[in-house]
């Protein structure tokens, strides 16, 4: 019975987190320190950094 309750509570928490995922992301990224840490860690990945720099600093398309 205890195992069933634990599995049910974990499933319920996962469902609620998924349902409110954008609200949770906004709360987490609203903290300056966490946002800086996350952006710094993502930009330390070479493939991501190169792709972003290529996108930001590419020449505009000719119309």
C-alpha atoms as a PDB file:
ATOM      1  CA  UNK A   1       0.000   0.000   0.000  1.00  0.00           C
ATOM      2  CA  UNK A   2       2.851   2.355   0.825  1.00  0.00           C
ATOM      3  CA  UNK A   3       4.512   1.720  -2.539  1.00  0.00           C
ATOM      4  CA  UNK A   4       1.268   2.450  -4.356  1.00  0.00           C
ATOM      5  CA  UNK A   5       0.880   5.737  -2.486  1.00  0.00           C
ATOM      6  CA  UNK A   6       4.452   6.741  -3.319  1.00  0.00           C
ATOM      7  CA  UNK A   7       4.021   5.939  -7.013  1.00  0.00           C
ATOM      8  CA  UNK A   8       0.704   7.811  -7.071  1.00  0.00           C
ATOM      9  CA  UNK A   9       2.207  10.905  -5.406  1.00  0.00           C
ATOM     10  CA  UNK A  10       5.198  10.946  -7.781  1.00  0.00           C
ATOM     11  CA  UNK A  11       2.858  10.597 -10.753  1.00  0.00           C
ATOM     12  CA  UNK A  12       0.624  13.383  -9.461  1.00  0.00           C
ATOM     13  CA  UNK A  13       3.603  15.687  -8.893  1.00  0.00           C
ATOM     14  CA  UNK A  14       4.866  14.929 -12.411  1.00  0.00           C
ATOM     15  CA  UNK A  15       1.443  15.637 -13.892  1.00  0.00           C
ATOM     16  CA  UNK A  16       1.118  18.953 -12.059  1.00  0.00           C
ATOM     17  CA  UNK A  17       4.662  19.971 -13.009  1.00  0.00           C
ATOM     18  CA  UNK A  18       3.935  19.174 -16.656  1.00  0.00           C
ATOM     19  CA  UNK A  19       0.620  20.995 -16.578  1.00  0.00           C
ATOM     20  CA  UNK A  20       2.240  24.123 -15.097  1.00  0.00           C
ATOM     21  CA  UNK A  21       5.625  23.789 -16.820  1.00  0.00           C
ATOM     22  CA  UNK A  22       5.716  27.285 -18.321  1.00  0.00           C
ATOM     23  CA  UNK A  23       4.783  28.890 -15.019  1.00  0.00           C
ATOM     24  CA  UNK A  24       7.532  26.887 -13.290  1.00  0.00           C
ATOM     25  CA  UNK A  25      10.093  27.877 -15.937  1.00  0.00           C
ATOM     26  CA  UNK A  26       9.161  31.558 -15.490  1.00  0.00           C
ATOM     27  CA  UNK A  27       9.528  31.285 -11.719  1.00  0.00           C
ATOM     28  CA  UNK A  28      12.908  29.551 -11.995  1.00  0.00           C
ATOM     29  CA  UNK A  29      14.286  31.887 -14.663  1.00  0.00           C
ATOM     30  CA  UNK A  30      13.000  34.890 -12.728  1.00  0.00           C
ATOM     31  CA  UNK A  31      15.902  34.462 -10.327  1.00  0.00           C
ATOM     32  CA  UNK A  32      18.910  36.333 -11.712  1.00  0.00           C
ATOM     33  CA  UNK A  33      21.554  33.977 -10.351  1.00  0.00           C
ATOM     34  CA  UNK A  34      19.898  30.852 -11.737  1.00  0.00           C
ATOM     35  CA  UNK A  35      19.326  32.533 -15.130  1.00  0.00           C
ATOM     36  CA  UNK A  36      22.996  33.556 -15.381  1.00  0.00           C
ATOM     37  CA  UNK A  37      24.113  30.080 -14.350  1.00  0.00           C
ATOM     38  CA  UNK A  38      21.854  28.421 -16.914  1.00  0.00           C
ATOM     39  CA  UNK A  39      22.822  30.740 -19.779  1.00  0.00           C
ATOM     40  CA  UNK A  40      26.513  30.373 -18.952  1.00  0.00           C
ATOM     41  CA  UNK A  41      26.307  26.595 -18.859  1.00  0.00           C
ATOM     42  CA  UNK A  42      24.393  26.419 -22.159  1.00  0.00           C
ATOM     43  CA  UNK A  43      26.836  28.755 -23.887  1.00  0.00           C
ATOM     44  CA  UNK A  44      29.775  26.675 -22.671  1.00  0.00           C
ATOM     45  CA  UNK A  45      28.633  23.874 -25.021  1.00  0.00           C
ATOM     46  CA  UNK A  46      30.645  24.502 -28.216  1.00  0.00           C
ATOM     47  CA  UNK A  47      28.024  23.384 -30.741  1.00  0.00           C
ATOM     48  CA  UNK A  48      25.283  25.496 -29.188  1.00  0.00           C
ATOM     49  CA  UNK A  49      27.505  28.562 -28.857  1.00  0.00           C
ATOM     50  CA  UNK A  50      28.727  28.338 -32.465  1.00  0.00           C
ATOM     51  CA  UNK A  51      25.210  27.898 -33.838  1.00  0.00           C
ATOM     52  CA  UNK A  52      23.875  30.843 -31.833  1.00  0.00           C
ATOM     53  CA  UNK A  53      26.728  33.128 -32.859  1.00  0.00           C
ATOM     54  CA  UNK A  54      26.254  32.111 -36.480  1.00  0.00           C
ATOM     55  CA  UNK A  55      22.548  32.897 -36.246  1.00  0.00           C
ATOM     56  CA  UNK A  56      22.992  36.248 -34.480  1.00  0.00           C
ATOM     57  CA  UNK A  57      25.845  37.578 -36.574  1.00  0.00           C
ATOM     58  CA  UNK A  58      25.029  36.228 -40.022  1.00  0.00           C
ATOM     59  CA  UNK A  59      24.497  38.586 -42.928  1.00  0.00           C
ATOM     60  CA  UNK A  60      20.883  39.434 -43.632  1.00  0.00           C
ATOM     61  CA  UNK A  61      19.284  37.654 -46.553  1.00  0.00           C
ATOM     62  CA  UNK A  62      18.935  39.535 -49.796  1.00  0.00           C
ATOM     63  CA  UNK A  63      15.334  40.149 -50.806  1.00  0.00           C
END
